[in-house]
N, C-alpha and C. Protein backbone atom coordinates (compact mmCIF):
# COMPACT_ATOMS: atom_id res chain seq x y z
N MET A 1 0.84 -1.18 0.00
CA MET A 1 0.00 0.00 0.00
C MET A 1 0.89 1.24 0.00
N THR A 2 0.49 2.18 -0.78
CA THR A 2 1.21 3.45 -0.79
C THR A 2 0.63 4.36 0.29
N GLY A 3 1.27 5.48 0.49
CA GLY A 3 0.78 6.42 1.49
C GLY A 3 -0.60 6.95 1.16
N ARG A 4 -0.86 7.16 -0.13
CA ARG A 4 -2.16 7.69 -0.56
C ARG A 4 -3.27 6.67 -0.31
N THR A 5 -3.04 5.41 -0.64
CA THR A 5 -4.08 4.40 -0.44
C THR A 5 -4.31 4.15 1.05
N THR A 6 -3.26 4.25 1.85
CA THR A 6 -3.42 4.10 3.29
C THR A 6 -4.28 5.23 3.85
N LEU A 7 -4.03 6.45 3.37
CA LEU A 7 -4.82 7.59 3.81
C LEU A 7 -6.28 7.46 3.38
N LEU A 8 -6.51 7.00 2.16
CA LEU A 8 -7.89 6.80 1.70
C LEU A 8 -8.60 5.71 2.50
N ALA A 9 -7.89 4.64 2.81
CA ALA A 9 -8.48 3.56 3.61
C ALA A 9 -8.83 4.06 5.00
N ALA A 10 -7.95 4.84 5.61
CA ALA A 10 -8.22 5.38 6.94
C ALA A 10 -9.40 6.35 6.90
N ALA A 11 -9.48 7.16 5.86
CA ALA A 11 -10.60 8.09 5.73
C ALA A 11 -11.92 7.33 5.55
N GLU A 12 -11.89 6.26 4.77
CA GLU A 12 -13.11 5.46 4.59
C GLU A 12 -13.54 4.82 5.90
N LEU A 13 -12.60 4.27 6.63
CA LEU A 13 -12.93 3.67 7.93
C LEU A 13 -13.48 4.71 8.89
N LEU A 14 -12.89 5.88 8.90
CA LEU A 14 -13.37 6.94 9.79
C LEU A 14 -14.78 7.38 9.41
N ALA A 15 -15.06 7.47 8.13
CA ALA A 15 -16.40 7.86 7.68
C ALA A 15 -17.43 6.81 8.07
N TRP A 16 -17.12 5.54 7.85
CA TRP A 16 -18.03 4.47 8.25
C TRP A 16 -18.24 4.48 9.76
N TRP A 17 -17.13 4.65 10.51
CA TRP A 17 -17.23 4.64 11.96
C TRP A 17 -18.13 5.79 12.44
N ALA A 18 -17.94 6.97 11.89
CA ALA A 18 -18.73 8.12 12.30
C ALA A 18 -20.22 7.90 12.01
N ALA A 19 -20.53 7.37 10.84
CA ALA A 19 -21.93 7.13 10.49
C ALA A 19 -22.55 6.08 11.41
N LEU A 20 -21.83 5.00 11.66
CA LEU A 20 -22.38 3.94 12.51
C LEU A 20 -22.48 4.37 13.97
N ALA A 21 -21.50 5.14 14.44
CA ALA A 21 -21.56 5.63 15.82
C ALA A 21 -22.72 6.61 15.99
N ALA A 22 -22.95 7.46 15.00
CA ALA A 22 -24.07 8.40 15.06
C ALA A 22 -25.40 7.64 15.08
N LEU A 23 -25.50 6.61 14.25
CA LEU A 23 -26.72 5.80 14.25
C LEU A 23 -26.93 5.14 15.61
N TRP A 24 -25.86 4.65 16.22
CA TRP A 24 -25.95 4.03 17.55
C TRP A 24 -26.47 5.05 18.57
N LEU A 25 -25.94 6.26 18.53
CA LEU A 25 -26.37 7.28 19.48
C LEU A 25 -27.84 7.66 19.29
N VAL A 26 -28.31 7.62 18.06
CA VAL A 26 -29.71 7.94 17.80
C VAL A 26 -30.62 6.84 18.35
N LEU A 27 -30.16 5.60 18.29
CA LEU A 27 -31.03 4.48 18.64
C LEU A 27 -31.02 4.10 20.11
N ILE A 28 -30.01 4.53 20.88
CA ILE A 28 -30.01 4.15 22.30
C ILE A 28 -30.84 5.15 23.10
N SER A 29 -31.31 4.69 24.25
CA SER A 29 -32.18 5.55 25.04
C SER A 29 -31.41 6.30 26.13
N THR A 30 -30.36 5.69 26.67
CA THR A 30 -29.57 6.36 27.70
C THR A 30 -28.13 6.48 27.21
N VAL A 31 -27.55 7.64 27.46
CA VAL A 31 -26.17 7.85 27.05
C VAL A 31 -25.31 7.89 28.31
N ASP A 32 -24.63 6.81 28.58
CA ASP A 32 -23.68 6.77 29.68
C ASP A 32 -22.34 6.27 29.14
N PRO A 33 -21.29 6.33 29.91
CA PRO A 33 -19.96 5.97 29.40
C PRO A 33 -19.87 4.54 28.86
N LEU A 34 -20.52 3.61 29.51
CA LEU A 34 -20.48 2.22 29.04
C LEU A 34 -21.15 2.10 27.67
N GLU A 35 -22.30 2.74 27.51
CA GLU A 35 -22.99 2.70 26.21
C GLU A 35 -22.13 3.35 25.12
N LEU A 36 -21.45 4.43 25.45
CA LEU A 36 -20.58 5.08 24.47
C LEU A 36 -19.41 4.18 24.08
N ALA A 37 -18.83 3.50 25.06
CA ALA A 37 -17.70 2.59 24.78
C ALA A 37 -18.14 1.42 23.92
N VAL A 38 -19.27 0.83 24.26
CA VAL A 38 -19.80 -0.29 23.47
C VAL A 38 -20.15 0.18 22.07
N GLY A 39 -20.78 1.31 21.96
CA GLY A 39 -21.15 1.85 20.65
C GLY A 39 -19.93 2.13 19.79
N ALA A 40 -18.88 2.68 20.37
CA ALA A 40 -17.66 2.98 19.62
C ALA A 40 -17.00 1.69 19.14
N ALA A 41 -16.97 0.68 19.99
CA ALA A 41 -16.36 -0.60 19.61
C ALA A 41 -17.16 -1.30 18.51
N VAL A 42 -18.46 -1.32 18.66
CA VAL A 42 -19.31 -1.97 17.66
C VAL A 42 -19.26 -1.21 16.34
N ALA A 43 -19.21 0.11 16.41
CA ALA A 43 -19.11 0.91 15.19
C ALA A 43 -17.78 0.65 14.49
N ALA A 44 -16.71 0.45 15.25
CA ALA A 44 -15.41 0.14 14.64
C ALA A 44 -15.44 -1.22 13.94
N LEU A 45 -16.06 -2.20 14.57
CA LEU A 45 -16.20 -3.51 13.93
C LEU A 45 -17.07 -3.43 12.67
N GLY A 46 -18.14 -2.67 12.76
CA GLY A 46 -19.00 -2.47 11.60
C GLY A 46 -18.28 -1.76 10.47
N ALA A 47 -17.44 -0.78 10.81
CA ALA A 47 -16.67 -0.06 9.79
C ALA A 47 -15.69 -1.00 9.08
N LEU A 48 -15.04 -1.86 9.84
CA LEU A 48 -14.13 -2.83 9.23
C LEU A 48 -14.88 -3.79 8.31
N ALA A 49 -16.05 -4.24 8.76
CA ALA A 49 -16.85 -5.16 7.94
C ALA A 49 -17.35 -4.46 6.68
N ALA A 50 -17.76 -3.21 6.79
CA ALA A 50 -18.26 -2.47 5.63
C ALA A 50 -17.15 -2.26 4.61
N ARG A 51 -15.95 -1.92 5.07
CA ARG A 51 -14.82 -1.73 4.15
C ARG A 51 -14.46 -3.05 3.48
N ALA A 52 -14.45 -4.14 4.25
CA ALA A 52 -14.12 -5.44 3.67
C ALA A 52 -15.17 -5.85 2.63
N ALA A 53 -16.43 -5.60 2.91
CA ALA A 53 -17.49 -5.95 1.97
C ALA A 53 -17.39 -5.11 0.70
N ARG A 54 -17.10 -3.81 0.85
CA ARG A 54 -16.97 -2.96 -0.32
C ARG A 54 -15.78 -3.37 -1.17
N ARG A 55 -14.69 -3.73 -0.53
CA ARG A 55 -13.51 -4.18 -1.29
C ARG A 55 -13.79 -5.50 -1.99
N ALA A 56 -14.54 -6.39 -1.35
CA ALA A 56 -14.85 -7.67 -1.97
C ALA A 56 -15.72 -7.49 -3.21
N VAL A 57 -16.65 -6.57 -3.15
CA VAL A 57 -17.54 -6.32 -4.27
C VAL A 57 -16.81 -5.59 -5.41
N SER A 58 -15.99 -4.61 -5.05
CA SER A 58 -15.34 -3.82 -6.09
C SER A 58 -14.07 -4.47 -6.64
N ALA A 59 -13.69 -5.62 -6.14
CA ALA A 59 -12.49 -6.30 -6.63
C ALA A 59 -12.70 -6.85 -8.04
N TRP A 60 -13.95 -7.00 -8.44
CA TRP A 60 -14.23 -7.54 -9.76
C TRP A 60 -14.16 -6.44 -10.73
């Protein structure tokens, strides 16, 4: 990977993470530190899965 592709991959992951974390915050009823930590972790896993799925589809 070149520096440019690494930067694009990081930007894509950050965008997915932000969207999924925002969705999590909209859907939960109470905002406490544990919920924020769980939401951030789950959003990070979702961002990785979304990037992997997009790469799998666009590889063709």
